[in-house]
Amino acid sequence: MAQDNAAPETGDLPELEEFITDGELEALKAERDEYRDKFMRALADAENARKRADRDRREAEMYGSTRLARDLLPVYDNLSRALAAIPDDSRAASAALIEGVELTLRELTKVMDKHGVKAISPAIGDMFNPQEHEAMFEAPVPGTKAGQIIQVMTQGFLLHDRLLRPAQVGVSSTPG
């Protein structure tokens, strides 16, 4: 009994050219090329979507806490101001309270550092950097050059490599 799915011998198959005209063959080749192009584009789109989703996920991990970090900056500022406002003659009498505020500030700084929040701490005499500093005022100060920082009002902060808040500074306008 012969099998129905057995491959016929090569000589038993008529040539395709007998059934397909040159024009039809060219149309089939064009259609094949069009489907191949669509497939390759779909493959590229899928790969781009995967890369974009991966990048978005990484950015969400790194920068998803931006709003929370910005909301914590005034807490940091207030704790720093509280420590700076204590007169020297009151420090001995309030040692336990001061130590508690310092520990709280230190713990807040550790948590911020753990999550990629880094302080921008310009010093007096540093040059103004518009990428990290916000000039709150300009004043002529003898002995300084134009563009030097003459006062630091608040520290700035970065979240990884993005600016959360610029450091607020006063800048010298003295001509050099």
Protein backbone atom coordinates (compact mmCIF):
# COMPACT_ATOMS: atom_id res chain seq x y z
CA MET A 1 0.00 0.00 0.00
CA ALA A 2 1.54 3.31 -1.03
CA GLN A 3 1.76 6.19 1.40
CA ASP A 4 -0.14 9.37 0.49
CA ASN A 5 2.40 11.73 2.04
CA ALA A 6 5.44 10.24 0.40
CA ALA A 7 7.50 12.81 -1.46
CA PRO A 8 7.13 12.52 -5.20
CA GLU A 9 10.21 12.17 -7.23
CA THR A 10 11.68 15.29 -8.77
CA GLY A 11 10.83 14.27 -12.27
CA ASP A 12 7.13 13.97 -11.41
CA LEU A 13 6.76 17.72 -10.57
CA PRO A 14 6.09 20.07 -13.41
CA GLU A 15 8.22 23.19 -13.44
CA LEU A 16 6.64 26.23 -11.74
CA GLU A 17 7.40 28.37 -14.73
CA GLU A 18 4.76 26.47 -16.69
CA PHE A 19 2.04 27.72 -14.29
CA ILE A 20 3.34 31.19 -13.26
CA THR A 21 4.07 33.97 -15.67
CA ASP A 22 7.06 36.25 -15.24
CA GLY A 23 4.78 39.06 -14.11
CA GLU A 24 3.12 36.88 -11.48
CA LEU A 25 6.51 35.67 -10.26
CA GLU A 26 7.75 39.25 -9.92
CA ALA A 27 4.53 40.18 -8.06
CA LEU A 28 5.04 37.25 -5.67
CA LYS A 29 8.67 38.23 -5.08
CA ALA A 30 7.61 41.84 -4.41
CA GLU A 31 4.93 40.64 -2.00
CA ARG A 32 7.48 38.38 -0.27
CA ASP A 33 9.90 41.30 0.05
CA GLU A 34 7.13 43.53 1.42
CA TYR A 35 6.22 40.93 4.09
CA ARG A 36 9.90 40.47 4.96
CA ASP A 37 10.25 44.26 5.34
CA LYS A 38 7.13 44.44 7.53
CA PHE A 39 8.43 41.56 9.65
CA MET A 40 11.83 43.21 10.10
CA ARG A 41 10.19 46.53 11.03
CA ALA A 42 7.90 44.80 13.53
CA LEU A 43 10.91 43.01 15.00
CA ALA A 44 12.81 46.31 15.30
CA ASP A 45 9.77 48.01 16.86
CA ALA A 46 9.47 45.22 19.42
CA GLU A 47 13.16 45.51 20.29
CA ASN A 48 12.88 49.31 20.61
CA ALA A 49 9.82 48.93 22.84
CA ARG A 50 11.71 46.47 25.04
CA LYS A 51 14.68 48.84 25.34
CA ARG A 52 12.41 51.81 26.04
CA ALA A 53 10.53 49.87 28.74
CA ASP A 54 13.84 48.82 30.30
CA ARG A 55 15.11 52.41 30.29
CA ASP A 56 11.82 53.68 31.75
CA ARG A 57 11.98 51.06 34.50
CA ARG A 58 15.55 52.04 35.40
CA GLU A 59 14.62 55.75 35.46
CA ALA A 60 11.59 55.03 37.63
CA GLU A 61 13.83 53.17 40.09
CA MET A 62 16.38 55.99 40.18
CA TYR A 63 14.17 59.06 39.95
CA GLY A 64 10.77 57.86 41.15
CA SER A 65 11.44 59.30 44.59
CA THR A 66 12.07 62.83 43.30
CA ARG A 67 8.91 64.31 44.81
CA LEU A 68 9.54 62.71 48.20
CA ALA A 69 13.16 63.86 48.17
CA ARG A 70 12.11 67.45 47.34
CA ASP A 71 9.55 67.34 50.15
CA LEU A 72 12.26 66.26 52.63
CA LEU A 73 14.64 69.11 51.78
CA PRO A 74 12.82 71.70 53.98
CA VAL A 75 13.08 69.26 56.90
CA TYR A 76 16.83 69.09 56.35
CA ASP A 77 17.01 72.89 56.08
CA ASN A 78 15.01 73.42 59.28
CA LEU A 79 17.12 70.99 61.29
CA SER A 80 20.29 72.69 60.01
CA ARG A 81 18.90 76.13 60.84
CA ALA A 82 17.90 74.96 64.30
CA LEU A 83 21.46 73.84 65.02
CA ALA A 84 22.95 77.03 63.59
CA ALA A 85 20.60 79.24 65.63
CA ILE A 86 21.66 77.91 69.03
CA PRO A 87 23.80 80.52 70.80
CA ASP A 88 27.15 79.31 72.11
CA ASP A 89 26.27 80.19 75.71
CA SER A 90 23.16 77.95 75.55
CA ARG A 91 24.90 74.91 74.13
CA ALA A 92 25.97 73.45 77.48
CA ALA A 93 22.51 73.80 79.01
CA SER A 94 20.79 72.23 75.99
CA ALA A 95 23.35 69.53 75.22
CA ALA A 96 20.83 66.67 75.18
CA LEU A 97 18.42 68.54 72.91
CA ILE A 98 21.24 69.57 70.57
CA GLU A 99 22.51 65.99 70.44
CA GLY A 100 19.00 64.77 69.53
CA VAL A 101 18.68 67.29 66.70
CA GLU A 102 22.17 66.42 65.43
CA LEU A 103 21.37 62.69 65.48
CA THR A 104 18.11 63.31 63.64
CA LEU A 105 19.90 65.40 61.01
CA ARG A 106 22.62 62.76 60.67
CA GLU A 107 20.04 59.98 60.23
CA LEU A 108 18.14 62.05 57.64
CA THR A 109 21.40 62.65 55.79
CA LYS A 110 22.18 58.90 55.82
CA VAL A 111 18.76 58.02 54.44
CA MET A 112 19.01 60.67 51.73
CA ASP A 113 22.51 59.46 50.82
CA LYS A 114 21.29 55.85 50.68
CA HIS A 115 18.70 56.89 48.09
CA GLY A 116 21.11 58.91 45.96
CA VAL A 117 20.43 62.41 47.32
CA LYS A 118 23.72 64.28 47.56
CA ALA A 119 24.27 67.77 48.92
CA ILE A 120 25.80 70.54 46.84
CA SER A 121 27.82 72.53 49.36
CA PRO A 122 29.45 75.55 47.74
CA ALA A 123 32.00 77.45 49.78
CA ILE A 124 32.56 81.17 49.97
CA GLY A 125 35.08 82.06 47.27
CA ASP A 126 33.99 79.30 44.88
CA MET A 127 32.97 80.41 41.41
CA PHE A 128 29.26 80.59 40.61
CA ASN A 129 28.07 77.59 38.57
CA PRO A 130 24.63 78.13 37.00
CA GLN A 131 24.21 74.34 36.68
CA GLU A 132 24.28 73.92 40.48
CA HIS A 133 23.73 77.39 41.97
CA GLU A 134 20.95 79.95 42.00
CA ALA A 135 22.10 83.55 42.44
CA MET A 136 19.83 85.21 44.98
CA PHE A 137 21.62 88.56 44.86
CA GLU A 138 24.70 90.29 43.51
CA ALA A 139 26.79 92.70 45.55
CA PRO A 140 30.16 94.40 45.09
CA VAL A 141 32.52 93.01 47.73
CA PRO A 142 36.09 94.30 47.87
CA GLY A 143 38.74 91.61 47.53
CA THR A 144 36.59 89.32 45.39
CA LYS A 145 36.23 88.71 41.69
CA ALA A 146 32.99 88.94 39.76
CA GLY A 147 31.18 85.61 39.88
CA GLN A 148 32.63 84.44 43.20
CA ILE A 149 30.24 83.19 45.84
CA ILE A 150 30.12 85.60 48.78
CA GLN A 151 27.30 83.99 50.79
CA VAL A 152 25.54 80.62 50.92
CA MET A 153 21.87 80.73 51.97
CA THR A 154 20.89 77.10 51.39
CA GLN A 155 22.59 73.98 50.16
CA GLY A 156 21.62 72.47 46.86
CA PHE A 157 20.89 68.81 46.25
CA LEU A 158 21.26 66.28 43.45
CA LEU A 159 19.28 63.07 43.04
CA HIS A 160 21.90 60.83 41.44
CA ASP A 161 22.89 63.12 38.55
CA ARG A 162 19.75 65.30 38.39
CA LEU A 163 19.42 68.62 40.14
CA LEU A 164 16.75 68.55 42.85
CA ARG A 165 17.38 72.06 44.09
CA PRO A 166 20.16 74.52 43.27
CA ALA A 167 22.24 75.94 46.11
CA GLN A 168 21.06 79.48 46.81
CA VAL A 169 24.01 81.84 46.91
CA GLY A 170 25.01 85.48 46.82
CA VAL A 171 27.48 86.40 44.10
CA SER A 172 30.09 89.14 43.89
CA SER A 173 29.64 91.75 41.19
CA THR A 174 33.01 93.40 41.79
CA PRO A 175 34.77 93.90 38.46
CA GLY A 176 37.98 91.92 38.31
